[in-house]
């Protein structure tokens, strides 16, 4: 089989076509791929890299240049959309990502008070400019643009316990709220594609079936994420959706999600997911605990097991801990390459 470049390998894997071996990627966003080791090697650090496009692009590129993953991706957190909609965000430090420290509204009923996303200002513009810079590099590696899913964004604009209560008690207002949030996310996702993103990855950890249960998972997570996937241009490589938590109770509903790829947490048995999800390429799910505290040989074996169990795209199960050693991260790709040579 002809050896493929990174972009072609990912495109085929996302559409469940034959590849020379599985791609090894880490999208960005919630599935952040930046570590302190990488920052030290590049001489660029958080929190500055969250707010300056050139730094953001260079740090994303460092991940690829140091043979960690076969893609570049921005941003490195899940707070860009919520901040643009009026939430207060604390920017963190070198080993802690930005987090929401103040909510924009107190109830889903107040959705008309939320600020629309402006793609020409703030960190939204920083992300788009970083994508444009990466696009100008003419890389073989795919550029992955990241958005925070609609449930997770909604839980950052209003306090999560309020949101989960009101989707049951104020259903009509909750759906108006979710529609507004989803429309704004679509605006940001389309802008990322226009800036040069090859793939859009959506991470929606707050939309897990473990919290919502099958009925609300379908009513909220599936419905609003599908609006995003349906709205994106069809001529790019494809789309990815990451869902946290166990999936056993919501496999039938997850099969309705119209993303090319579904990505899972390490608590999901990939073999079980493969049996239940036949319409999607699957991605994951090397333990991020092992990536931070294990050793390269262990990581290689975990990566190969993911492949054997049915994963089409090998990746960490979630965002990397910032203190994860770079040798452990590089071991994912090394393990897959070594095993692919044995198979041949």
C-alpha atoms as a PDB file:
ATOM      1  CA  UNK A   1       0.000   0.000   0.000  1.00  0.00           C
ATOM      2  CA  UNK A   2       1.216   3.492  -0.861  1.00  0.00           C
ATOM      3  CA  UNK A   3       2.318   5.548   2.158  1.00  0.00           C
ATOM      4  CA  UNK A   4      -0.109   8.449   2.573  1.00  0.00           C
ATOM      5  CA  UNK A   5       0.517  11.944   3.818  1.00  0.00           C
ATOM      6  CA  UNK A   6      -1.191  13.042   7.018  1.00  0.00           C
ATOM      7  CA  UNK A   7      -4.065  14.872   5.368  1.00  0.00           C
ATOM      8  CA  UNK A   8      -4.983  12.064   2.993  1.00  0.00           C
ATOM      9  CA  UNK A   9      -4.680   9.436   5.733  1.00  0.00           C
ATOM     10  CA  UNK A  10      -7.069  11.344   7.982  1.00  0.00           C
ATOM     11  CA  UNK A  11      -9.552  12.008   5.191  1.00  0.00           C
ATOM     12  CA  UNK A  12      -9.800   8.332   4.336  1.00  0.00           C
ATOM     13  CA  UNK A  13      -9.983   7.227   7.965  1.00  0.00           C
ATOM     14  CA  UNK A  14     -12.792   9.689   8.673  1.00  0.00           C
ATOM     15  CA  UNK A  15     -14.816   8.124   5.875  1.00  0.00           C
ATOM     16  CA  UNK A  16     -13.950   4.537   6.883  1.00  0.00           C
ATOM     17  CA  UNK A  17     -11.878   3.976   3.772  1.00  0.00           C
ATOM     18  CA  UNK A  18      -8.697   1.861   3.627  1.00  0.00           C
ATOM     19  CA  UNK A  19      -5.540   3.554   4.926  1.00  0.00           C
ATOM     20  CA  UNK A  20      -1.885   2.546   5.201  1.00  0.00           C
ATOM     21  CA  UNK A  21      -2.312   2.793   9.005  1.00  0.00           C
ATOM     22  CA  UNK A  22      -4.505   4.716  11.466  1.00  0.00           C
ATOM     23  CA  UNK A  23      -3.845   8.463  11.797  1.00  0.00           C
ATOM     24  CA  UNK A  24      -2.582   9.662  15.192  1.00  0.00           C
ATOM     25  CA  UNK A  25      -4.132  13.016  16.046  1.00  0.00           C
ATOM     26  CA  UNK A  26      -5.187  15.274  18.901  1.00  0.00           C
ATOM     27  CA  UNK A  27      -7.638  17.925  17.683  1.00  0.00           C
ATOM     28  CA  UNK A  28      -7.245  20.785  20.183  1.00  0.00           C
ATOM     29  CA  UNK A  29     -10.033  22.585  22.005  1.00  0.00           C
ATOM     30  CA  UNK A  30     -11.096  20.407  24.920  1.00  0.00           C
ATOM     31  CA  UNK A  31      -8.754  17.746  23.521  1.00  0.00           C
ATOM     32  CA  UNK A  32      -5.791  20.061  24.042  1.00  0.00           C
ATOM     33  CA  UNK A  33      -2.430  18.743  22.824  1.00  0.00           C
ATOM     34  CA  UNK A  34      -0.080  21.336  24.340  1.00  0.00           C
ATOM     35  CA  UNK A  35       2.170  20.483  27.297  1.00  0.00           C
ATOM     36  CA  UNK A  36       4.755  22.309  29.387  1.00  0.00           C
ATOM     37  CA  UNK A  37       7.527  20.323  27.662  1.00  0.00           C
ATOM     38  CA  UNK A  38       6.323  21.561  24.298  1.00  0.00           C
ATOM     39  CA  UNK A  39       6.071  25.156  25.524  1.00  0.00           C
ATOM     40  CA  UNK A  40       9.647  24.969  26.818  1.00  0.00           C
ATOM     41  CA  UNK A  41      10.951  23.588  23.525  1.00  0.00           C
ATOM     42  CA  UNK A  42       9.224  26.309  21.516  1.00  0.00           C
ATOM     43  CA  UNK A  43       9.802  29.147  23.970  1.00  0.00           C
ATOM     44  CA  UNK A  44       6.111  30.071  23.855  1.00  0.00           C
ATOM     45  CA  UNK A  45       3.855  29.744  26.863  1.00  0.00           C
ATOM     46  CA  UNK A  46       0.324  29.983  28.144  1.00  0.00           C
ATOM     47  CA  UNK A  47      -1.518  32.175  28.918  1.00  0.00           C
ATOM     48  CA  UNK A  48       0.022  34.498  26.312  1.00  0.00           C
ATOM     49  CA  UNK A  49      -0.498  31.935  23.532  1.00  0.00           C
ATOM     50  CA  UNK A  50      -4.250  31.973  24.152  1.00  0.00           C
ATOM     51  CA  UNK A  51      -4.393  35.662  23.242  1.00  0.00           C
ATOM     52  CA  UNK A  52      -1.877  36.161  20.399  1.00  0.00           C
ATOM     53  CA  UNK A  53      -2.474  34.568  16.998  1.00  0.00           C
ATOM     54  CA  UNK A  54       1.186  34.149  16.015  1.00  0.00           C
ATOM     55  CA  UNK A  55       1.995  32.456  19.319  1.00  0.00           C
ATOM     56  CA  UNK A  56      -1.078  30.235  19.080  1.00  0.00           C
ATOM     57  CA  UNK A  57      -0.169  29.127  15.558  1.00  0.00           C
ATOM     58  CA  UNK A  58       3.502  28.541  16.422  1.00  0.00           C
ATOM     59  CA  UNK A  59       2.645  26.478  19.494  1.00  0.00           C
ATOM     60  CA  UNK A  60       0.166  24.361  17.513  1.00  0.00           C
ATOM     61  CA  UNK A  61       2.842  23.856  14.859  1.00  0.00           C
ATOM     62  CA  UNK A  62       5.375  22.796  17.506  1.00  0.00           C
ATOM     63  CA  UNK A  63       3.159  19.808  18.309  1.00  0.00           C
ATOM     64  CA  UNK A  64       3.490  18.620  14.692  1.00  0.00           C
ATOM     65  CA  UNK A  65       7.152  19.527  14.304  1.00  0.00           C
ATOM     66  CA  UNK A  66       8.060  17.501  17.404  1.00  0.00           C
ATOM     67  CA  UNK A  67       6.369  14.345  16.048  1.00  0.00           C
ATOM     68  CA  UNK A  68       3.646  14.358  18.682  1.00  0.00           C
ATOM     69  CA  UNK A  69       0.553  14.243  16.469  1.00  0.00           C
ATOM     70  CA  UNK A  70      -0.180  14.324  12.753  1.00  0.00           C
ATOM     71  CA  UNK A  71      -2.229  17.507  12.776  1.00  0.00           C
ATOM     72  CA  UNK A  72      -2.291  21.057  14.025  1.00  0.00           C
ATOM     73  CA  UNK A  73      -5.278  22.429  15.923  1.00  0.00           C
ATOM     74  CA  UNK A  74      -6.508  25.548  17.714  1.00  0.00           C
ATOM     75  CA  UNK A  75      -7.561  26.875  20.184  1.00  0.00           C
ATOM     76  CA  UNK A  76      -6.273  25.132  23.339  1.00  0.00           C
ATOM     77  CA  UNK A  77      -9.315  25.519  25.603  1.00  0.00           C
ATOM     78  CA  UNK A  78     -13.128  25.505  25.756  1.00  0.00           C
ATOM     79  CA  UNK A  79     -13.834  29.094  26.784  1.00  0.00           C
ATOM     80  CA  UNK A  80     -13.607  31.118  23.561  1.00  0.00           C
ATOM     81  CA  UNK A  81     -17.314  30.927  22.667  1.00  0.00           C
ATOM     82  CA  UNK A  82     -18.582  31.549  26.197  1.00  0.00           C
ATOM     83  CA  UNK A  83     -16.326  34.585  26.608  1.00  0.00           C
ATOM     84  CA  UNK A  84     -17.537  35.994  23.299  1.00  0.00           C
ATOM     85  CA  UNK A  85     -21.126  35.590  24.546  1.00  0.00           C
ATOM     86  CA  UNK A  86     -20.443  37.557  27.703  1.00  0.00           C
ATOM     87  CA  UNK A  87     -19.066  35.101  30.276  1.00  0.00           C
ATOM     88  CA  UNK A  88     -16.059  36.126  32.356  1.00  0.00           C
ATOM     89  CA  UNK A  89     -12.951  34.016  31.791  1.00  0.00           C
ATOM     90  CA  UNK A  90      -9.807  33.683  33.887  1.00  0.00           C
ATOM     91  CA  UNK A  91      -6.894  32.943  31.585  1.00  0.00           C
ATOM     92  CA  UNK A  92      -5.039  30.430  33.766  1.00  0.00           C
ATOM     93  CA  UNK A  93      -1.283  29.905  33.635  1.00  0.00           C
ATOM     94  CA  UNK A  94       1.357  27.663  32.078  1.00  0.00           C
ATOM     95  CA  UNK A  95      -0.169  24.434  33.393  1.00  0.00           C
ATOM     96  CA  UNK A  96      -3.829  25.424  33.816  1.00  0.00           C
ATOM     97  CA  UNK A  97      -6.170  26.206  30.945  1.00  0.00           C
ATOM     98  CA  UNK A  98      -8.569  29.171  30.939  1.00  0.00           C
ATOM     99  CA  UNK A  99     -11.830  28.659  32.810  1.00  0.00           C
ATOM    100  CA  UNK A 100     -15.146  30.456  33.208  1.00  0.00           C
ATOM    101  CA  UNK A 101     -15.221  32.532  36.395  1.00  0.00           C
ATOM    102  CA  UNK A 102     -18.510  34.419  35.858  1.00  0.00           C
ATOM    103  CA  UNK A 103     -21.687  33.595  33.946  1.00  0.00           C
ATOM    104  CA  UNK A 104     -23.332  35.881  31.398  1.00  0.00           C
ATOM    105  CA  UNK A 105     -26.948  35.216  32.463  1.00  0.00           C
ATOM    106  CA  UNK A 106     -28.742  33.610  35.408  1.00  0.00           C
ATOM    107  CA  UNK A 107     -31.402  31.622  33.539  1.00  0.00           C
ATOM    108  CA  UNK A 108     -32.122  30.151  30.114  1.00  0.00           C
ATOM    109  CA  UNK A 109     -35.080  32.568  30.006  1.00  0.00           C
ATOM    110  CA  UNK A 110     -32.594  35.454  29.688  1.00  0.00           C
ATOM    111  CA  UNK A 111     -31.176  34.225  26.382  1.00  0.00           C
ATOM    112  CA  UNK A 112     -32.029  37.488  24.567  1.00  0.00           C
ATOM    113  CA  UNK A 113     -29.473  39.269  26.798  1.00  0.00           C
ATOM    114  CA  UNK A 114     -26.565  37.136  25.540  1.00  0.00           C
ATOM    115  CA  UNK A 115     -24.051  38.836  23.261  1.00  0.00           C
ATOM    116  CA  UNK A 116     -23.788  37.405  19.733  1.00  0.00           C
ATOM    117  CA  UNK A 117     -20.329  36.190  18.730  1.00  0.00           C
ATOM    118  CA  UNK A 118     -18.339  38.808  16.827  1.00  0.00           C
ATOM    119  CA  UNK A 119     -15.819  37.024  14.583  1.00  0.00           C
ATOM    120  CA  UNK A 120     -13.809  40.234  14.177  1.00  0.00           C
ATOM    121  CA  UNK A 121     -12.802  40.815  17.782  1.00  0.00           C
ATOM    122  CA  UNK A 122     -11.374  39.199  20.897  1.00  0.00           C
ATOM    123  CA  UNK A 123     -10.135  35.645  21.127  1.00  0.00           C
ATOM    124  CA  UNK A 124     -12.513  34.547  18.369  1.00  0.00           C
ATOM    125  CA  UNK A 125     -10.473  36.677  15.968  1.00  0.00           C
ATOM    126  CA  UNK A 126      -7.218  35.355  17.492  1.00  0.00           C
ATOM    127  CA  UNK A 127      -8.285  31.777  16.698  1.00  0.00           C
ATOM    128  CA  UNK A 128      -9.292  32.660  13.140  1.00  0.00           C
ATOM    129  CA  UNK A 129      -6.042  34.540  12.550  1.00  0.00           C
ATOM    130  CA  UNK A 130      -4.067  31.575  13.909  1.00  0.00           C
ATOM    131  CA  UNK A 131      -5.836  29.273  11.437  1.00  0.00           C
ATOM    132  CA  UNK A 132      -4.976  31.664   8.601  1.00  0.00           C
ATOM    133  CA  UNK A 133      -1.316  31.621   9.666  1.00  0.00           C
ATOM    134  CA  UNK A 134      -1.287  27.814   9.765  1.00  0.00           C
ATOM    135  CA  UNK A 135      -2.986  27.677   6.360  1.00  0.00           C
ATOM    136  CA  UNK A 136      -0.225  29.856   4.912  1.00  0.00           C
ATOM    137  CA  UNK A 137       2.356  27.188   5.880  1.00  0.00           C
ATOM    138  CA  UNK A 138       0.975  24.770   3.231  1.00  0.00           C
ATOM    139  CA  UNK A 139       1.357  21.805   5.564  1.00  0.00           C
ATOM    140  CA  UNK A 140       0.716  18.157   4.716  1.00  0.00           C
ATOM    141  CA  UNK A 141      -0.870  17.991   8.167  1.00  0.00           C
ATOM    142  CA  UNK A 142      -4.588  18.770   8.452  1.00  0.00           C
ATOM    143  CA  UNK A 143      -5.664  21.905  10.296  1.00  0.00           C
ATOM    144  CA  UNK A 144      -8.345  21.110  12.857  1.00  0.00           C
ATOM    145  CA  UNK A 145     -10.568  23.933  14.012  1.00  0.00           C
ATOM    146  CA  UNK A 146     -12.257  23.373  17.350  1.00  0.00           C
ATOM    147  CA  UNK A 147     -15.553  24.487  18.761  1.00  0.00           C
ATOM    148  CA  UNK A 148     -17.139  23.849  22.131  1.00  0.00           C
ATOM    149  CA  UNK A 149     -20.371  21.925  21.699  1.00  0.00           C
ATOM    150  CA  UNK A 150     -23.751  23.575  22.283  1.00  0.00           C
ATOM    151  CA  UNK A 151     -24.540  21.944  25.641  1.00  0.00           C
ATOM    152  CA  UNK A 152     -21.076  22.705  27.019  1.00  0.00           C
ATOM    153  CA  UNK A 153     -21.184  26.280  25.758  1.00  0.00           C
ATOM    154  CA  UNK A 154     -24.650  26.663  27.257  1.00  0.00           C
ATOM    155  CA  UNK A 155     -23.263  25.419  30.596  1.00  0.00           C
ATOM    156  CA  UNK A 156     -20.555  28.081  30.461  1.00  0.00           C
ATOM    157  CA  UNK A 157     -22.884  30.965  29.684  1.00  0.00           C
ATOM    158  CA  UNK A 158     -25.318  30.035  32.496  1.00  0.00           C
ATOM    159  CA  UNK A 159     -24.440  28.120  35.668  1.00  0.00           C
ATOM    160  CA  UNK A 160     -24.538  24.345  34.902  1.00  0.00           C
ATOM    161  CA  UNK A 161     -26.851  23.293  37.726  1.00  0.00           C
ATOM    162  CA  UNK A 162     -29.316  25.975  36.632  1.00  0.00           C
ATOM    163  CA  UNK A 163     -29.087  24.776  33.029  1.00  0.00           C
ATOM    164  CA  UNK A 164     -29.656  21.101  33.839  1.00  0.00           C
ATOM    165  CA  UNK A 165     -32.640  21.993  36.022  1.00  0.00           C
ATOM    166  CA  UNK A 166     -34.210  24.352  33.515  1.00  0.00           C
ATOM    167  CA  UNK A 167     -33.978  22.051  30.490  1.00  0.00           C
ATOM    168  CA  UNK A 168     -36.560  20.001  32.383  1.00  0.00           C
ATOM    169  CA  UNK A 169     -38.606  22.762  34.025  1.00  0.00           C
ATOM    170  CA  UNK A 170     -38.404  25.515  31.374  1.00  0.00           C
ATOM    171  CA  UNK A 171     -38.315  23.420  28.224  1.00  0.00           C
ATOM    172  CA  UNK A 172     -39.598  26.060  25.801  1.00  0.00           C
ATOM    173  CA  UNK A 173     -37.160  28.718  27.023  1.00  0.00           C
ATOM    174  CA  UNK A 174     -34.368  26.130  27.120  1.00  0.00           C
ATOM    175  CA  UNK A 175     -34.865  25.332  23.443  1.00  0.00           C
ATOM    176  CA  UNK A 176     -34.902  29.033  22.499  1.00  0.00           C
ATOM    177  CA  UNK A 177     -31.666  29.397  24.482  1.00  0.00           C
ATOM    178  CA  UNK A 178     -30.088  26.349  22.831  1.00  0.00           C
ATOM    179  CA  UNK A 179     -31.083  27.537  19.373  1.00  0.00           C
ATOM    180  CA  UNK A 180     -29.403  30.905  19.960  1.00  0.00           C
ATOM    181  CA  UNK A 181     -26.224  29.270  21.284  1.00  0.00           C
ATOM    182  CA  UNK A 182     -26.153  26.776  18.405  1.00  0.00           C
ATOM    183  CA  UNK A 183     -26.570  29.483  15.769  1.00  0.00           C
ATOM    184  CA  UNK A 184     -23.633  31.399  17.240  1.00  0.00           C
ATOM    185  CA  UNK A 185     -21.467  28.275  17.312  1.00  0.00           C
ATOM    186  CA  UNK A 186     -22.305  27.610  13.659  1.00  0.00           C
ATOM    187  CA  UNK A 187     -21.169  31.145  12.840  1.00  0.00           C
ATOM    188  CA  UNK A 188     -17.797  30.491  14.509  1.00  0.00           C
ATOM    189  CA  UNK A 189     -17.390  27.055  12.909  1.00  0.00           C
ATOM    190  CA  UNK A 190     -18.076  28.419   9.417  1.00  0.00           C
ATOM    191  CA  UNK A 191     -15.595  31.222  10.015  1.00  0.00           C
ATOM    192  CA  UNK A 192     -12.955  28.626  10.930  1.00  0.00           C
ATOM    193  CA  UNK A 193     -13.579  26.762   7.673  1.00  0.00           C
ATOM    194  CA  UNK A 194     -13.370  30.017   5.714  1.00  0.00           C
ATOM    195  CA  UNK A 195     -10.065  30.797   7.468  1.00  0.00           C
ATOM    196  CA  UNK A 196      -8.611  27.470   6.327  1.00  0.00           C
ATOM    197  CA  UNK A 197      -9.603  24.688   8.743  1.00  0.00           C
ATOM    198  CA  UNK A 198      -9.743  21.263   7.063  1.00  0.00           C
ATOM    199  CA  UNK A 199     -11.711  19.599   9.869  1.00  0.00           C
ATOM    200  CA  UNK A 200     -14.080  20.867  12.544  1.00  0.00           C
ATOM    201  CA  UNK A 201     -13.985  19.044  15.878  1.00  0.00           C
ATOM    202  CA  UNK A 202     -16.835  19.549  18.335  1.00  0.00           C
ATOM    203  CA  UNK A 203     -16.300  18.673  22.000  1.00  0.00           C
ATOM    204  CA  UNK A 204     -19.437  18.535  24.100  1.00  0.00           C
ATOM    205  CA  UNK A 205     -18.530  16.964  27.451  1.00  0.00           C
ATOM    206  CA  UNK A 206     -21.489  18.516  29.266  1.00  0.00           C
ATOM    207  CA  UNK A 207     -23.813  16.818  26.776  1.00  0.00           C
ATOM    208  CA  UNK A 208     -22.940  13.363  28.061  1.00  0.00           C
ATOM    209  CA  UNK A 209     -25.635  10.722  28.279  1.00  0.00           C
ATOM    210  CA  UNK A 210     -24.484   9.940  31.817  1.00  0.00           C
ATOM    211  CA  UNK A 211     -25.945  13.259  32.961  1.00  0.00           C
ATOM    212  CA  UNK A 212     -28.821  13.667  30.530  1.00  0.00           C
ATOM    213  CA  UNK A 213     -30.060  10.114  30.037  1.00  0.00           C
ATOM    214  CA  UNK A 214     -31.206   8.783  26.631  1.00  0.00           C
ATOM    215  CA  UNK A 215     -34.286  11.001  26.172  1.00  0.00           C
ATOM    216  CA  UNK A 216     -32.636  14.349  26.949  1.00  0.00           C
ATOM    217  CA  UNK A 217     -29.442  13.257  25.173  1.00  0.00           C
ATOM    218  CA  UNK A 218     -31.475  12.891  21.996  1.00  0.00           C
ATOM    219  CA  UNK A 219     -33.566  16.017  22.632  1.00  0.00           C
ATOM    220  CA  UNK A 220     -30.578  18.293  23.268  1.00  0.00           C
ATOM    221  CA  UNK A 221     -27.164  16.788  22.468  1.00  0.00           C
ATOM    222  CA  UNK A 222     -28.120  15.004  19.257  1.00  0.00           C
ATOM    223  CA  UNK A 223     -30.513  17.679  17.990  1.00  0.00           C
ATOM    224  CA  UNK A 224     -28.276  20.714  18.355  1.00  0.00           C
ATOM    225  CA  UNK A 225     -24.994  19.065  17.418  1.00  0.00           C
ATOM    226  CA  UNK A 226     -26.640  17.758  14.253  1.00  0.00           C
ATOM    227  CA  UNK A 227     -27.603  21.302  13.326  1.00  0.00           C
ATOM    228  CA  UNK A 228     -23.912  22.188  13.494  1.00  0.00           C
ATOM    229  CA  UNK A 229     -22.794  19.236  11.391  1.00  0.00           C
ATOM    230  CA  UNK A 230     -25.542  19.805   8.820  1.00  0.00           C
ATOM    231  CA  UNK A 231     -24.510  23.438   8.421  1.00  0.00           C
ATOM    232  CA  UNK A 232     -20.834  22.875   7.666  1.00  0.00           C
ATOM    233  CA  UNK A 233     -19.386  22.789   4.177  1.00  0.00           C
ATOM    234  CA  UNK A 234     -19.253  19.321   2.657  1.00  0.00           C
ATOM    235  CA  UNK A 235     -16.042  19.781   0.724  1.00  0.00           C
ATOM    236  CA  UNK A 236     -13.651  19.570   3.693  1.00  0.00           C
ATOM    237  CA  UNK A 237     -12.119  16.425   5.187  1.00  0.00           C
ATOM    238  CA  UNK A 238     -14.925  15.885   7.674  1.00  0.00           C
ATOM    239  CA  UNK A 239     -16.127  16.422  11.231  1.00  0.00           C
ATOM    240  CA  UNK A 240     -15.334  14.943  14.648  1.00  0.00           C
ATOM    241  CA  UNK A 241     -17.468  14.864  17.780  1.00  0.00           C
ATOM    242  CA  UNK A 242     -16.079  14.035  21.223  1.00  0.00           C
ATOM    243  CA  UNK A 243     -18.498  12.828  23.908  1.00  0.00           C
ATOM    244  CA  UNK A 244     -17.432  12.250  27.502  1.00  0.00           C
ATOM    245  CA  UNK A 245     -18.637   9.553  29.877  1.00  0.00           C
ATOM    246  CA  UNK A 246     -19.997   6.050  29.443  1.00  0.00           C
ATOM    247  CA  UNK A 247     -22.004   5.403  26.266  1.00  0.00           C
ATOM    248  CA  UNK A 248     -23.894   2.179  27.037  1.00  0.00           C
ATOM    249  CA  UNK A 249     -27.227   3.899  27.693  1.00  0.00           C
ATOM    250  CA  UNK A 250     -27.114   6.113  24.590  1.00  0.00           C
ATOM    251  CA  UNK A 251     -25.550   4.084  21.751  1.00  0.00           C
ATOM    252  CA  UNK A 252     -28.782   4.139  19.675  1.00  0.00           C
ATOM    253  CA  UNK A 253     -29.030   7.912  20.065  1.00  0.00           C
ATOM    254  CA  UNK A 254     -25.310   8.442  19.347  1.00  0.00           C
ATOM    255  CA  UNK A 255     -25.710   6.531  16.084  1.00  0.00           C
ATOM    256  CA  UNK A 256     -28.031   9.386  14.978  1.00  0.00           C
ATOM    257  CA  UNK A 257     -25.254  12.002  15.284  1.00  0.00           C
ATOM    258  CA  UNK A 258     -24.326  13.218  11.815  1.00  0.00           C
ATOM    259  CA  UNK A 259     -20.596  13.630  12.381  1.00  0.00           C
ATOM    260  CA  UNK A 260     -18.139  11.517  10.406  1.00  0.00           C
ATOM    261  CA  UNK A 261     -16.237  10.568  13.559  1.00  0.00           C
ATOM    262  CA  UNK A 262     -17.179   9.889  17.172  1.00  0.00           C
ATOM    263  CA  UNK A 263     -14.504  10.176  19.869  1.00  0.00           C
ATOM    264  CA  UNK A 264     -14.767   8.748  23.381  1.00  0.00           C
ATOM    265  CA  UNK A 265     -13.351   8.925  26.874  1.00  0.00           C
ATOM    266  CA  UNK A 266     -11.118   6.112  28.176  1.00  0.00           C
ATOM    267  CA  UNK A 267     -14.024   4.638  30.179  1.00  0.00           C
ATOM    268  CA  UNK A 268     -15.609   3.491  26.894  1.00  0.00           C
ATOM    269  CA  UNK A 269     -14.527   0.050  25.675  1.00  0.00           C
ATOM    270  CA  UNK A 270     -13.636   0.607  22.035  1.00  0.00           C
ATOM    271  CA  UNK A 271     -14.607  -2.939  21.066  1.00  0.00           C
ATOM    272  CA  UNK A 272     -18.080  -2.395  22.536  1.00  0.00           C
ATOM    273  CA  UNK A 273     -18.400   0.954  20.775  1.00  0.00           C
ATOM    274  CA  UNK A 274     -17.422  -0.656  17.467  1.00  0.00           C
ATOM    275  CA  UNK A 275     -20.199  -3.249  17.814  1.00  0.00           C
ATOM    276  CA  UNK A 276     -22.814  -0.604  18.536  1.00  0.00           C
ATOM    277  CA  UNK A 277     -21.775   2.173  16.156  1.00  0.00           C
ATOM    278  CA  UNK A 278     -21.472   1.038  12.558  1.00  0.00           C
ATOM    279  CA  UNK A 279     -22.205   4.337  10.781  1.00  0.00           C
ATOM    280  CA  UNK A 280     -19.216   6.233  12.184  1.00  0.00           C
ATOM    281  CA  UNK A 281     -15.468   6.150  12.145  1.00  0.00           C
ATOM    282  CA  UNK A 282     -14.312   5.854  15.765  1.00  0.00           C
ATOM    283  CA  UNK A 283     -11.532   7.796  17.441  1.00  0.00           C
ATOM    284  CA  UNK A 284      -9.631   7.324  20.668  1.00  0.00           C
ATOM    285  CA  UNK A 285      -8.985   6.545  23.334  1.00  0.00           C
ATOM    286  CA  UNK A 286      -5.516   6.310  24.930  1.00  0.00           C
ATOM    287  CA  UNK A 287      -5.751   7.060  28.649  1.00  0.00           C
ATOM    288  CA  UNK A 288      -4.618  10.590  29.476  1.00  0.00           C
ATOM    289  CA  UNK A 289      -3.759   9.380  32.994  1.00  0.00           C
ATOM    290  CA  UNK A 290      -1.310   6.920  31.446  1.00  0.00           C
ATOM    291  CA  UNK A 291       0.040   9.623  29.155  1.00  0.00           C
ATOM    292  CA  UNK A 292       0.913  11.769  32.156  1.00  0.00           C
ATOM    293  CA  UNK A 293       2.059   9.121  34.625  1.00  0.00           C
ATOM    294  CA  UNK A 294       2.966   6.053  32.534  1.00  0.00           C
ATOM    295  CA  UNK A 295       5.965   5.253  30.332  1.00  0.00           C
ATOM    296  CA  UNK A 296       6.472   5.106  26.555  1.00  0.00           C
ATOM    297  CA  UNK A 297       6.249   1.311  26.310  1.00  0.00           C
ATOM    298  CA  UNK A 298       2.920   1.301  28.124  1.00  0.00           C
ATOM    299  CA  UNK A 299       1.622   4.059  25.858  1.00  0.00           C
ATOM    300  CA  UNK A 300       2.646   2.135  22.744  1.00  0.00           C
ATOM    301  CA  UNK A 301       0.735  -0.928  23.929  1.00  0.00           C
ATOM    302  CA  UNK A 302      -2.363   1.141  24.757  1.00  0.00           C
ATOM    303  CA  UNK A 303      -2.313   2.793  21.327  1.00  0.00           C
ATOM    304  CA  UNK A 304      -2.028  -0.565  19.563  1.00  0.00           C
ATOM    305  CA  UNK A 305      -4.860  -1.978  21.684  1.00  0.00           C
ATOM    306  CA  UNK A 306      -7.108   0.908  20.608  1.00  0.00           C
ATOM    307  CA  UNK A 307      -6.335   0.022  17.007  1.00  0.00           C
ATOM    308  CA  UNK A 308      -7.014  -3.681  17.529  1.00  0.00           C
ATOM    309  CA  UNK A 309     -10.264  -2.960  19.367  1.00  0.00           C
ATOM    310  CA  UNK A 310     -11.693  -0.988  16.446  1.00  0.00           C
ATOM    311  CA  UNK A 311     -10.454   2.590  16.592  1.00  0.00           C
ATOM    312  CA  UNK A 312     -10.026   4.077  13.119  1.00  0.00           C
ATOM    313  CA  UNK A 313      -8.158   7.151  14.417  1.00  0.00           C
ATOM    314  CA  UNK A 314      -5.827   6.931  17.389  1.00  0.00           C
ATOM    315  CA  UNK A 315      -5.876   9.813  19.865  1.00  0.00           C
ATOM    316  CA  UNK A 316      -5.792  10.618  23.570  1.00  0.00           C
ATOM    317  CA  UNK A 317      -9.074   9.971  25.347  1.00  0.00           C
ATOM    318  CA  UNK A 318      -9.348  13.597  26.436  1.00  0.00           C
ATOM    319  CA  UNK A 319      -7.173  16.710  26.773  1.00  0.00           C
ATOM    320  CA  UNK A 320      -3.579  16.102  27.816  1.00  0.00           C
ATOM    321  CA  UNK A 321      -2.408  17.034  31.266  1.00  0.00           C
ATOM    322  CA  UNK A 322       0.066  19.888  30.819  1.00  0.00           C
ATOM    323  CA  UNK A 323       2.736  17.948  32.739  1.00  0.00           C
ATOM    324  CA  UNK A 324       2.602  14.923  30.405  1.00  0.00           C
ATOM    325  CA  UNK A 325       6.147  14.036  29.220  1.00  0.00           C
ATOM    326  CA  UNK A 326       6.699  14.623  25.528  1.00  0.00           C
ATOM    327  CA  UNK A 327       8.241  11.134  25.148  1.00  0.00           C
ATOM    328  CA  UNK A 328       4.936   9.599  26.248  1.00  0.00           C
ATOM    329  CA  UNK A 329       2.988  11.633  23.728  1.00  0.00           C
ATOM    330  CA  UNK A 330       5.369  10.714  20.916  1.00  0.00           C
ATOM    331  CA  UNK A 331       4.936   7.049  21.886  1.00  0.00           C
ATOM    332  CA  UNK A 332       1.361   6.938  20.528  1.00  0.00           C
ATOM    333  CA  UNK A 333       2.523   7.547  16.979  1.00  0.00           C
ATOM    334  CA  UNK A 334       5.666   5.432  17.393  1.00  0.00           C
ATOM    335  CA  UNK A 335       3.635   2.467  18.609  1.00  0.00           C
ATOM    336  CA  UNK A 336       1.239   2.635  15.672  1.00  0.00           C
ATOM    337  CA  UNK A 337       4.039   3.015  13.107  1.00  0.00           C
ATOM    338  CA  UNK A 338       5.961   0.079  14.585  1.00  0.00           C
ATOM    339  CA  UNK A 339       2.863  -2.139  14.610  1.00  0.00           C
ATOM    340  CA  UNK A 340       1.933  -1.180  11.054  1.00  0.00           C
ATOM    341  CA  UNK A 341       5.359  -2.344   9.860  1.00  0.00           C
ATOM    342  CA  UNK A 342       4.812  -5.694  11.578  1.00  0.00           C
ATOM    343  CA  UNK A 343       1.408  -6.059   9.937  1.00  0.00           C
ATOM    344  CA  UNK A 344       2.893  -5.423   6.515  1.00  0.00           C
END
